[in-house]
C-alpha atoms as a PDB file:
ATOM      1  CA  MET A   1     137.834  84.302 191.670  1.00  0.00           C
ATOM      2  CA  LYS A   2     137.853  83.416 187.960  1.00  0.00           C
ATOM      3  CA  ILE A   3     141.125  81.879 186.754  1.00  0.00           C
ATOM      4  CA  ALA A   4     142.205  80.767 183.279  1.00  0.00           C
ATOM      5  CA  VAL A   5     144.887  78.087 182.978  1.00  0.00           C
ATOM      6  CA  VAL A   6     146.522  77.885 179.551  1.00  0.00           C
ATOM      7  CA  GLY A   7     147.965  74.500 178.634  1.00  0.00           C
ATOM      8  CA  GLY A   8     146.638  71.004 179.248  1.00  0.00           C
ATOM      9  CA  GLY A   9     149.951  69.397 180.125  1.00  0.00           C
ATOM     10  CA  ILE A  10     150.659  67.763 183.462  1.00  0.00           C
ATOM     11  CA  PHE A  11     151.400  71.082 185.178  1.00  0.00           C
ATOM     12  CA  GLY A  12     148.406  72.891 183.673  1.00  0.00           C
ATOM     13  CA  VAL A  13     145.985  70.103 184.566  1.00  0.00           C
ATOM     14  CA  THR A  14     147.389  69.754 188.087  1.00  0.00           C
ATOM     15  CA  THR A  15     147.204  73.507 188.634  1.00  0.00           C
ATOM     16  CA  ALA A  16     143.617  73.658 187.361  1.00  0.00           C
ATOM     17  CA  ILE A  17     142.527  70.785 189.607  1.00  0.00           C
ATOM     18  CA  ARG A  18     144.141  72.299 192.696  1.00  0.00           C
ATOM     19  CA  LEU A  19     142.692  75.748 192.043  1.00  0.00           C
ATOM     20  CA  ALA A  20     139.211  74.389 191.258  1.00  0.00           C
ATOM     21  CA  ASN A  21     138.645  73.598 194.940  1.00  0.00           C
ATOM     22  CA  ASN A  22     138.252  77.291 195.753  1.00  0.00           C
ATOM     23  CA  HIS A  23     137.952  79.113 192.420  1.00  0.00           C
ATOM     24  CA  ASP A  24     136.095  79.144 189.103  1.00  0.00           C
ATOM     25  CA  VAL A  25     138.721  77.682 186.734  1.00  0.00           C
ATOM     26  CA  ASP A  26     138.753  77.333 182.940  1.00  0.00           C
ATOM     27  CA  LEU A  27     141.434  75.172 181.306  1.00  0.00           C
ATOM     28  CA  TYR A  28     142.435  76.035 177.727  1.00  0.00           C
ATOM     29  CA  GLU A  29     144.296  73.563 175.510  1.00  0.00           C
ATOM     30  CA  LYS A  30     145.061  73.927 171.781  1.00  0.00           C
ATOM     31  CA  ASN A  31     144.823  70.184 171.097  1.00  0.00           C
ATOM     32  CA  SER A  32     141.621  68.148 171.153  1.00  0.00           C
ATOM     33  CA  ASP A  33     142.689  66.303 174.313  1.00  0.00           C
ATOM     34  CA  ILE A  34     144.770  67.065 177.383  1.00  0.00           C
ATOM     35  CA  LEU A  35     148.216  65.508 177.909  1.00  0.00           C
ATOM     36  CA  GLU A  36     148.577  65.167 174.141  1.00  0.00           C
ATOM     37  CA  SER A  37     151.780  67.125 173.476  1.00  0.00           C
ATOM     38  CA  ALA A  38     154.962  67.090 175.564  1.00  0.00           C
ATOM     39  CA  SER A  39     153.330  65.567 178.655  1.00  0.00           C
ATOM     40  CA  GLY A  40     151.802  62.775 176.595  1.00  0.00           C
ATOM     41  CA  ILE A  41     155.007  62.103 174.680  1.00  0.00           C
ATOM     42  CA  ASN A  42     157.174  62.036 177.812  1.00  0.00           C
ATOM     43  CA  GLN A  43     154.823  60.159 180.143  1.00  0.00           C
ATOM     44  CA  TYR A  44     156.488  56.762 179.655  1.00  0.00           C
ATOM     45  CA  ARG A  45     160.042  58.087 179.697  1.00  0.00           C
ATOM     46  CA  LEU A  46     162.312  56.582 182.330  1.00  0.00           C
ATOM     47  CA  HIS A  47     164.179  59.367 184.114  1.00  0.00           C
ATOM     48  CA  ARG A  48     167.529  58.370 185.541  1.00  0.00           C
ATOM     49  CA  GLY A  49     168.697  61.630 187.040  1.00  0.00           C
ATOM     50  CA  LYS A  50     170.623  64.279 185.164  1.00  0.00           C
ATOM     51  CA  GLN A  51     170.330  64.184 181.386  1.00  0.00           C
ATOM     52  CA  LEU A  52     172.589  66.049 178.989  1.00  0.00           C
ATOM     53  CA  TYR A  53     171.349  67.181 175.614  1.00  0.00           C
ATOM     54  CA  GLN A  54     173.683  68.188 172.816  1.00  0.00           C
ATOM     55  CA  HIS A  55     172.573  70.409 169.963  1.00  0.00           C
END
């Protein structure tokens, strides 16, 4: 089966890798490299449970 994964963040890359074992997978990312946007920015963030954001 041919599958297109849109987005090269951590979830898109992980999904593409897992599906590639049994399917023909193409990964599409708007940036020149994967993990460049939100996943790249947040990769060194220390998560300490619940976080509250105020707007």
